[in-house]
Amino acid sequence: MKFNRVTAFVTVATAAASFFYGGAANAMNLRSDLQSTFSQYVNQEGALLNDAGLQQLDAQSLFWNGVDPIDVFFVNEGAAFKSQLDYSINGDAPVTLFDNISSQNSVLPEGDGVLALGEGKRVGEFDGPTQIDFFLKADGYDNPDGYVYGADASANPDGLQHMVAFNYYDDVADEYWTIIGFEDLYGELGAKDAPNQNSDRDFNDVVFAVRGVQGETVVKTPEPSAMLAFVGLGLAGGLKQIRRKKTVA
């Protein structure tokens, strides 16, 4: 009788564990306060993704942090397309992670949307240095031949940037997140002649938050006007020093 109880306990525990981990891969949910915070960076359609206070990362430099599993959570979307999100590990063939990026509660809600805000999936853990790349198949759910955009602008069909990445530190769990935003329309801002699609270049058409990756920080070059102001201040300071020396002499 004792053996049966132990056996039953182990069986139930194993089944529960399998359900938990199996479910986690397909029905993970972003912590509600993080979902609320990340959503604040997503403006209405046509308005640039708000990166205020966030550190920009080189979207081509994302790699596994070697500690946490890579988890990807849907934050929001502002697109009429039902796009798809793919990922690639160390340059291997891309794998589709989300095949229908649409939601009934997004910036541009769709009545037949399938994703809940904050819904996530697990990519997993790896051995050794691991580069991860993300790709957006624009309108991929309805159009398998749609454009595919990644972090490498030179490899995109229009040669333009279509993906941005930002670093976010969560002090509650003491962990870093990467917020990724995509622009899903082909072409320069407002260009309408085919194959251009009158892009608004807002990078909020698909927004995801990723845990378990990190990347290189982008060092932003000051605007020319700021550089001129800096040079002007330097010259002014130099003139003051010269005048001061002449006065002393």
C-alpha atoms as a PDB file:
ATOM      1  CA  MET A   1       0.000   0.000   0.000  1.00  0.00           C
ATOM      2  CA  LYS A   2       2.847   2.338   0.856  1.00  0.00           C
ATOM      3  CA  PHE A   3       4.505   1.581  -2.501  1.00  0.00           C
ATOM      4  CA  ASN A   4       1.309   2.437  -4.327  1.00  0.00           C
ATOM      5  CA  ARG A   5       1.029   5.780  -2.573  1.00  0.00           C
ATOM      6  CA  VAL A   6       4.605   6.716  -3.392  1.00  0.00           C
ATOM      7  CA  THR A   7       4.145   5.569  -6.965  1.00  0.00           C
ATOM      8  CA  ALA A   8       0.950   7.570  -7.276  1.00  0.00           C
ATOM      9  CA  PHE A   9       2.635  10.647  -5.794  1.00  0.00           C
ATOM     10  CA  VAL A  10       5.581  10.422  -8.170  1.00  0.00           C
ATOM     11  CA  THR A  11       3.260   9.879 -11.109  1.00  0.00           C
ATOM     12  CA  VAL A  12       1.125  12.890 -10.221  1.00  0.00           C
ATOM     13  CA  ALA A  13       4.187  15.055  -9.514  1.00  0.00           C
ATOM     14  CA  THR A  14       5.770  14.093 -12.825  1.00  0.00           C
ATOM     15  CA  ALA A  15       2.563  14.811 -14.711  1.00  0.00           C
ATOM     16  CA  ALA A  16       2.204  18.161 -12.947  1.00  0.00           C
ATOM     17  CA  ALA A  17       5.791  19.086 -13.764  1.00  0.00           C
ATOM     18  CA  SER A  18       5.315  18.128 -17.395  1.00  0.00           C
ATOM     19  CA  PHE A  19       2.160  20.217 -17.548  1.00  0.00           C
ATOM     20  CA  PHE A  20       3.844  23.220 -15.937  1.00  0.00           C
ATOM     21  CA  TYR A  21       6.887  23.271 -18.182  1.00  0.00           C
ATOM     22  CA  GLY A  22       4.973  22.301 -21.293  1.00  0.00           C
ATOM     23  CA  GLY A  23       2.413  24.981 -20.574  1.00  0.00           C
ATOM     24  CA  ALA A  24       5.109  27.533 -19.864  1.00  0.00           C
ATOM     25  CA  ALA A  25       6.446  27.151 -23.377  1.00  0.00           C
ATOM     26  CA  ASN A  26       3.062  27.902 -24.899  1.00  0.00           C
ATOM     27  CA  ALA A  27       1.135  30.036 -22.420  1.00  0.00           C
ATOM     28  CA  MET A  28       3.550  32.224 -20.488  1.00  0.00           C
ATOM     29  CA  ASN A  29       2.390  35.614 -19.306  1.00  0.00           C
ATOM     30  CA  LEU A  30       4.379  38.773 -18.723  1.00  0.00           C
ATOM     31  CA  ARG A  31       4.215  40.187 -15.207  1.00  0.00           C
ATOM     32  CA  SER A  32       1.346  42.689 -15.195  1.00  0.00           C
ATOM     33  CA  ASP A  33       3.396  45.645 -13.954  1.00  0.00           C
ATOM     34  CA  LEU A  34       6.008  45.048 -16.664  1.00  0.00           C
ATOM     35  CA  GLN A  35       3.309  44.791 -19.328  1.00  0.00           C
ATOM     36  CA  SER A  36       1.953  48.119 -18.141  1.00  0.00           C
ATOM     37  CA  THR A  37       5.413  49.699 -18.145  1.00  0.00           C
ATOM     38  CA  PHE A  38       6.395  48.370 -21.562  1.00  0.00           C
ATOM     39  CA  SER A  39       3.063  49.426 -23.048  1.00  0.00           C
ATOM     40  CA  GLN A  40       3.880  53.022 -22.158  1.00  0.00           C
ATOM     41  CA  TYR A  41       6.591  52.980 -24.797  1.00  0.00           C
ATOM     42  CA  VAL A  42       4.062  52.107 -27.513  1.00  0.00           C
ATOM     43  CA  ASN A  43       2.325  55.176 -28.924  1.00  0.00           C
ATOM     44  CA  GLN A  44      -0.697  55.318 -31.157  1.00  0.00           C
ATOM     45  CA  GLU A  45      -0.190  54.125 -34.732  1.00  0.00           C
ATOM     46  CA  GLY A  46       1.934  56.547 -36.713  1.00  0.00           C
ATOM     47  CA  ALA A  47       3.733  57.906 -33.637  1.00  0.00           C
ATOM     48  CA  LEU A  48       7.350  56.866 -33.126  1.00  0.00           C
ATOM     49  CA  LEU A  49       8.071  54.242 -30.479  1.00  0.00           C
ATOM     50  CA  ASN A  50       8.839  56.195 -27.308  1.00  0.00           C
ATOM     51  CA  ASP A  51      12.345  55.292 -26.159  1.00  0.00           C
ATOM     52  CA  ALA A  52      12.636  58.027 -23.543  1.00  0.00           C
ATOM     53  CA  GLY A  53      14.976  56.960 -20.779  1.00  0.00           C
ATOM     54  CA  LEU A  54      15.920  53.683 -22.477  1.00  0.00           C
ATOM     55  CA  GLN A  55      19.391  52.700 -23.585  1.00  0.00           C
ATOM     56  CA  GLN A  56      19.481  51.747 -27.279  1.00  0.00           C
ATOM     57  CA  LEU A  57      21.142  48.492 -28.263  1.00  0.00           C
ATOM     58  CA  ASP A  58      22.660  47.366 -31.527  1.00  0.00           C
ATOM     59  CA  ALA A  59      19.873  45.080 -32.758  1.00  0.00           C
ATOM     60  CA  GLN A  60      22.432  42.969 -34.628  1.00  0.00           C
ATOM     61  CA  SER A  61      24.386  42.196 -31.461  1.00  0.00           C
ATOM     62  CA  LEU A  62      21.765  40.335 -29.410  1.00  0.00           C
ATOM     63  CA  PHE A  63      22.997  37.167 -27.743  1.00  0.00           C
ATOM     64  CA  TRP A  64      21.948  34.785 -24.976  1.00  0.00           C
ATOM     65  CA  ASN A  65      23.079  35.983 -21.556  1.00  0.00           C
ATOM     66  CA  GLY A  66      24.128  32.448 -20.632  1.00  0.00           C
ATOM     67  CA  VAL A  67      21.989  32.387 -17.486  1.00  0.00           C
ATOM     68  CA  ASP A  68      18.254  32.762 -18.074  1.00  0.00           C
ATOM     69  CA  PRO A  69      16.121  30.978 -20.664  1.00  0.00           C
ATOM     70  CA  ILE A  70      15.216  33.229 -23.588  1.00  0.00           C
ATOM     71  CA  ASP A  71      11.556  34.177 -23.203  1.00  0.00           C
ATOM     72  CA  VAL A  72       9.706  36.379 -25.700  1.00  0.00           C
ATOM     73  CA  PHE A  73       6.538  38.275 -24.751  1.00  0.00           C
ATOM     74  CA  PHE A  74       4.081  40.125 -26.977  1.00  0.00           C
ATOM     75  CA  VAL A  75       3.711  43.707 -25.717  1.00  0.00           C
ATOM     76  CA  ASN A  76       1.558  45.370 -28.382  1.00  0.00           C
ATOM     77  CA  GLU A  77       1.076  45.939 -32.097  1.00  0.00           C
ATOM     78  CA  GLY A  78      -0.044  48.842 -34.217  1.00  0.00           C
ATOM     79  CA  ALA A  79      -0.503  47.251 -37.609  1.00  0.00           C
ATOM     80  CA  ALA A  80      -3.263  46.146 -39.935  1.00  0.00           C
ATOM     81  CA  PHE A  81      -1.068  43.227 -40.973  1.00  0.00           C
ATOM     82  CA  LYS A  82      -1.093  39.843 -39.258  1.00  0.00           C
ATOM     83  CA  SER A  83       2.640  39.426 -39.215  1.00  0.00           C
ATOM     84  CA  GLN A  84       4.864  36.637 -37.911  1.00  0.00           C
ATOM     85  CA  LEU A  85       7.923  36.664 -35.654  1.00  0.00           C
ATOM     86  CA  ASP A  86      10.828  34.353 -36.458  1.00  0.00           C
ATOM     87  CA  TYR A  87      14.118  33.809 -34.676  1.00  0.00           C
ATOM     88  CA  SER A  88      17.427  32.315 -35.728  1.00  0.00           C
ATOM     89  CA  ILE A  89      20.151  30.826 -33.522  1.00  0.00           C
ATOM     90  CA  ASN A  90      23.762  31.283 -34.624  1.00  0.00           C
ATOM     91  CA  GLY A  91      22.738  31.890 -38.222  1.00  0.00           C
ATOM     92  CA  ASP A  92      20.637  28.728 -38.562  1.00  0.00           C
ATOM     93  CA  ALA A  93      17.397  28.616 -40.550  1.00  0.00           C
ATOM     94  CA  PRO A  94      14.734  30.857 -38.971  1.00  0.00           C
ATOM     95  CA  VAL A  95      12.038  29.298 -36.781  1.00  0.00           C
ATOM     96  CA  THR A  96       8.569  30.836 -36.444  1.00  0.00           C
ATOM     97  CA  LEU A  97       7.754  31.710 -32.840  1.00  0.00           C
ATOM     98  CA  PHE A  98       4.502  33.682 -33.308  1.00  0.00           C
ATOM     99  CA  ASP A  99       2.617  32.858 -36.508  1.00  0.00           C
ATOM    100  CA  ASN A 100      -0.261  35.343 -36.122  1.00  0.00           C
ATOM    101  CA  ILE A 101       0.599  38.616 -34.404  1.00  0.00           C
ATOM    102  CA  SER A 102      -2.815  40.124 -33.864  1.00  0.00           C
ATOM    103  CA  SER A 103      -4.825  41.067 -30.805  1.00  0.00           C
ATOM    104  CA  GLN A 104      -8.270  42.264 -29.858  1.00  0.00           C
ATOM    105  CA  ASN A 105      -6.728  44.633 -27.284  1.00  0.00           C
ATOM    106  CA  SER A 106      -3.807  46.184 -29.155  1.00  0.00           C
ATOM    107  CA  VAL A 107      -3.217  49.724 -30.393  1.00  0.00           C
ATOM    108  CA  LEU A 108      -4.940  48.671 -33.627  1.00  0.00           C
ATOM    109  CA  PRO A 109      -7.332  45.983 -32.347  1.00  0.00           C
ATOM    110  CA  GLU A 110      -8.555  43.215 -34.634  1.00  0.00           C
ATOM    111  CA  GLY A 111     -11.815  41.415 -33.950  1.00  0.00           C
ATOM    112  CA  ASP A 112     -10.302  38.039 -34.723  1.00  0.00           C
ATOM    113  CA  GLY A 113      -6.979  38.754 -32.986  1.00  0.00           C
ATOM    114  CA  VAL A 114      -5.494  35.719 -31.265  1.00  0.00           C
ATOM    115  CA  LEU A 115      -2.886  37.094 -28.829  1.00  0.00           C
ATOM    116  CA  ALA A 116      -3.418  38.431 -25.329  1.00  0.00           C
ATOM    117  CA  LEU A 117      -1.262  41.375 -24.341  1.00  0.00           C
ATOM    118  CA  GLY A 118       1.697  40.003 -22.431  1.00  0.00           C
ATOM    119  CA  GLU A 119       1.407  36.503 -23.864  1.00  0.00           C
ATOM    120  CA  GLY A 120       4.782  34.829 -24.217  1.00  0.00           C
ATOM    121  CA  LYS A 121       6.718  31.831 -25.445  1.00  0.00           C
ATOM    122  CA  ARG A 122      10.016  30.281 -24.462  1.00  0.00           C
ATOM    123  CA  VAL A 123      12.846  29.912 -26.952  1.00  0.00           C
ATOM    124  CA  GLY A 124      15.042  28.026 -24.478  1.00  0.00           C
ATOM    125  CA  GLU A 125      18.610  27.705 -23.210  1.00  0.00           C
ATOM    126  CA  PHE A 126      21.768  26.900 -25.125  1.00  0.00           C
ATOM    127  CA  ASP A 127      25.363  25.722 -24.824  1.00  0.00           C
ATOM    128  CA  GLY A 128      28.147  28.229 -25.236  1.00  0.00           C
ATOM    129  CA  PRO A 129      28.064  31.624 -26.971  1.00  0.00           C
ATOM    130  CA  THR A 130      24.731  32.010 -28.733  1.00  0.00           C
ATOM    131  CA  GLN A 131      23.734  34.756 -31.155  1.00  0.00           C
ATOM    132  CA  ILE A 132      19.999  35.269 -31.631  1.00  0.00           C
ATOM    133  CA  ASP A 133      18.397  37.186 -34.488  1.00  0.00           C
ATOM    134  CA  PHE A 134      14.763  38.151 -34.838  1.00  0.00           C
ATOM    135  CA  PHE A 135      12.858  38.626 -38.085  1.00  0.00           C
ATOM    136  CA  LEU A 136       9.450  40.041 -38.900  1.00  0.00           C
ATOM    137  CA  LYS A 137       7.481  38.490 -41.737  1.00  0.00           C
ATOM    138  CA  ALA A 138       5.256  41.422 -42.611  1.00  0.00           C
ATOM    139  CA  ASP A 139       1.709  40.182 -43.266  1.00  0.00           C
ATOM    140  CA  GLY A 140       3.168  36.667 -43.155  1.00  0.00           C
ATOM    141  CA  TYR A 141       0.050  34.995 -41.778  1.00  0.00           C
ATOM    142  CA  ASP A 142      -2.005  35.927 -44.832  1.00  0.00           C
ATOM    143  CA  ASN A 143       0.814  36.373 -47.325  1.00  0.00           C
ATOM    144  CA  PRO A 144       3.659  33.803 -47.184  1.00  0.00           C
ATOM    145  CA  ASP A 145       5.535  35.838 -49.803  1.00  0.00           C
ATOM    146  CA  GLY A 146       5.498  39.034 -47.751  1.00  0.00           C
ATOM    147  CA  TYR A 147       8.624  41.034 -47.005  1.00  0.00           C
ATOM    148  CA  VAL A 148      10.967  39.795 -44.269  1.00  0.00           C
ATOM    149  CA  TYR A 149      12.782  42.349 -42.115  1.00  0.00           C
ATOM    150  CA  GLY A 150      15.632  41.813 -39.670  1.00  0.00           C
ATOM    151  CA  ALA A 151      18.188  43.834 -37.721  1.00  0.00           C
ATOM    152  CA  ASP A 152      20.637  44.057 -40.638  1.00  0.00           C
ATOM    153  CA  ALA A 153      19.364  46.955 -42.734  1.00  0.00           C
ATOM    154  CA  SER A 154      21.538  45.987 -45.697  1.00  0.00           C
ATOM    155  CA  ALA A 155      19.775  42.606 -45.882  1.00  0.00           C
ATOM    156  CA  ASN A 156      16.262  44.068 -45.787  1.00  0.00           C
ATOM    157  CA  PRO A 157      14.411  44.275 -49.119  1.00  0.00           C
ATOM    158  CA  ASP A 158      14.446  48.088 -49.101  1.00  0.00           C
ATOM    159  CA  GLY A 159      17.889  48.429 -47.493  1.00  0.00           C
ATOM    160  CA  LEU A 160      16.415  50.333 -44.542  1.00  0.00           C
ATOM    161  CA  GLN A 161      16.342  49.848 -40.790  1.00  0.00           C
ATOM    162  CA  HIS A 162      13.199  48.023 -39.666  1.00  0.00           C
ATOM    163  CA  MET A 163      14.097  46.867 -36.150  1.00  0.00           C
ATOM    164  CA  VAL A 164      15.155  48.733 -33.023  1.00  0.00           C
ATOM    165  CA  ALA A 165      16.158  47.359 -29.618  1.00  0.00           C
ATOM    166  CA  PHE A 166      16.356  48.970 -26.192  1.00  0.00           C
ATOM    167  CA  ASN A 167      17.643  47.865 -22.805  1.00  0.00           C
ATOM    168  CA  TYR A 168      15.406  47.930 -19.710  1.00  0.00           C
ATOM    169  CA  TYR A 169      16.403  47.053 -16.148  1.00  0.00           C
ATOM    170  CA  ASP A 170      13.735  45.546 -13.880  1.00  0.00           C
ATOM    171  CA  ASP A 171      14.790  46.315 -10.316  1.00  0.00           C
ATOM    172  CA  VAL A 172      12.020  44.138  -8.858  1.00  0.00           C
ATOM    173  CA  ALA A 173      13.482  40.894 -10.230  1.00  0.00           C
ATOM    174  CA  ASP A 174      17.006  42.295 -10.737  1.00  0.00           C
ATOM    175  CA  GLU A 175      17.092  41.364 -14.404  1.00  0.00           C
ATOM    176  CA  TYR A 176      17.474  42.981 -17.799  1.00  0.00           C
ATOM    177  CA  TRP A 177      14.983  43.005 -20.654  1.00  0.00           C
ATOM    178  CA  THR A 178      15.319  43.873 -24.309  1.00  0.00           C
ATOM    179  CA  ILE A 179      12.423  45.732 -25.894  1.00  0.00           C
ATOM    180  CA  ILE A 180      12.191  45.178 -29.647  1.00  0.00           C
ATOM    181  CA  GLY A 181      10.134  47.248 -32.068  1.00  0.00           C
ATOM    182  CA  PHE A 182       9.526  46.626 -35.784  1.00  0.00           C
ATOM    183  CA  GLU A 183       8.458  48.776 -38.711  1.00  0.00           C
ATOM    184  CA  ASP A 184       6.421  46.578 -41.075  1.00  0.00           C
ATOM    185  CA  LEU A 185       6.016  48.797 -44.165  1.00  0.00           C
ATOM    186  CA  TYR A 186       8.434  48.928 -47.091  1.00  0.00           C
ATOM    187  CA  GLY A 187      10.224  52.116 -48.022  1.00  0.00           C
ATOM    188  CA  GLU A 188      11.221  55.566 -46.862  1.00  0.00           C
ATOM    189  CA  LEU A 189       8.968  57.731 -44.728  1.00  0.00           C
ATOM    190  CA  GLY A 190       5.826  58.613 -46.673  1.00  0.00           C
ATOM    191  CA  ALA A 191       7.061  57.125 -49.977  1.00  0.00           C
ATOM    192  CA  LYS A 192       4.054  55.905 -51.962  1.00  0.00           C
ATOM    193  CA  ASP A 193       5.300  54.849 -55.385  1.00  0.00           C
ATOM    194  CA  ALA A 194       5.359  51.041 -55.664  1.00  0.00           C
ATOM    195  CA  PRO A 195       6.876  49.038 -54.138  1.00  0.00           C
ATOM    196  CA  ASN A 196       6.863  51.656 -51.351  1.00  0.00           C
ATOM    197  CA  GLN A 197       3.993  51.332 -48.892  1.00  0.00           C
ATOM    198  CA  ASN A 198       3.671  54.848 -47.402  1.00  0.00           C
ATOM    199  CA  SER A 199       5.632  53.819 -44.322  1.00  0.00           C
ATOM    200  CA  ASP A 200       5.273  55.908 -41.161  1.00  0.00           C
ATOM    201  CA  ARG A 201       8.582  54.585 -39.735  1.00  0.00           C
ATOM    202  CA  ASP A 202       7.121  54.403 -36.206  1.00  0.00           C
ATOM    203  CA  PHE A 203       8.657  51.028 -35.226  1.00  0.00           C
ATOM    204  CA  ASN A 204       5.610  50.160 -33.123  1.00  0.00           C
ATOM    205  CA  ASP A 205       3.920  47.854 -35.641  1.00  0.00           C
ATOM    206  CA  VAL A 206       5.084  44.875 -33.573  1.00  0.00           C
ATOM    207  CA  VAL A 207       6.632  45.262 -30.114  1.00  0.00           C
ATOM    208  CA  PHE A 208       8.058  42.428 -28.022  1.00  0.00           C
ATOM    209  CA  ALA A 209       9.935  42.195 -24.720  1.00  0.00           C
ATOM    210  CA  VAL A 210      12.677  39.579 -24.483  1.00  0.00           C
ATOM    211  CA  ARG A 211      14.241  38.182 -21.322  1.00  0.00           C
ATOM    212  CA  GLY A 212      17.548  36.309 -21.350  1.00  0.00           C
ATOM    213  CA  VAL A 213      19.383  38.282 -24.024  1.00  0.00           C
ATOM    214  CA  GLN A 214      21.736  41.236 -24.017  1.00  0.00           C
ATOM    215  CA  GLY A 215      23.457  43.373 -26.605  1.00  0.00           C
ATOM    216  CA  GLU A 216      25.989  46.081 -27.287  1.00  0.00           C
ATOM    217  CA  THR A 217      25.037  49.636 -26.393  1.00  0.00           C
ATOM    218  CA  VAL A 218      24.683  52.084 -29.257  1.00  0.00           C
ATOM    219  CA  VAL A 219      26.809  55.193 -28.819  1.00  0.00           C
ATOM    220  CA  LYS A 220      24.795  57.971 -30.370  1.00  0.00           C
ATOM    221  CA  THR A 221      26.668  60.609 -32.351  1.00  0.00           C
ATOM    222  CA  PRO A 222      25.745  64.167 -31.307  1.00  0.00           C
ATOM    223  CA  GLU A 223      23.733  66.204 -33.784  1.00  0.00           C
ATOM    224  CA  PRO A 224      25.833  68.597 -35.959  1.00  0.00           C
ATOM    225  CA  SER A 225      24.247  71.580 -34.204  1.00  0.00           C
ATOM    226  CA  ALA A 226      25.256  70.167 -30.835  1.00  0.00           C
ATOM    227  CA  MET A 227      28.808  69.588 -32.075  1.00  0.00           C
ATOM    228  CA  LEU A 228      29.008  73.186 -33.338  1.00  0.00           C
ATOM    229  CA  ALA A 229      27.761  74.425 -29.979  1.00  0.00           C
ATOM    230  CA  PHE A 230      30.390  72.304 -28.249  1.00  0.00           C
ATOM    231  CA  VAL A 231      33.137  73.667 -30.530  1.00  0.00           C
ATOM    232  CA  GLY A 232      31.830  77.169 -29.952  1.00  0.00           C
ATOM    233  CA  LEU A 233      32.045  76.717 -26.201  1.00  0.00           C
ATOM    234  CA  GLY A 234      35.574  75.380 -26.585  1.00  0.00           C
ATOM    235  CA  LEU A 235      36.618  78.388 -28.641  1.00  0.00           C
ATOM    236  CA  ALA A 236      35.005  80.765 -26.178  1.00  0.00           C
ATOM    237  CA  GLY A 237      36.837  79.083 -23.320  1.00  0.00           C
ATOM    238  CA  GLY A 238      40.129  79.342 -25.221  1.00  0.00           C
ATOM    239  CA  LEU A 239      39.624  83.036 -25.891  1.00  0.00           C
ATOM    240  CA  LYS A 240      38.930  83.625 -22.212  1.00  0.00           C
ATOM    241  CA  GLN A 241      42.183  81.892 -21.313  1.00  0.00           C
ATOM    242  CA  ILE A 242      44.107  84.030 -23.850  1.00  0.00           C
ATOM    243  CA  ARG A 243      42.543  87.259 -22.517  1.00  0.00           C
ATOM    244  CA  ARG A 244      43.324  86.158 -18.956  1.00  0.00           C
ATOM    245  CA  LYS A 245      46.985  85.555 -19.796  1.00  0.00           C
ATOM    246  CA  LYS A 246      47.283  88.921 -21.535  1.00  0.00           C
ATOM    247  CA  THR A 247      45.742  90.642 -18.516  1.00  0.00           C
ATOM    248  CA  VAL A 248      48.146  88.919 -16.146  1.00  0.00           C
ATOM    249  CA  ALA A 249      51.107  89.821 -18.362  1.00  0.00           C
END
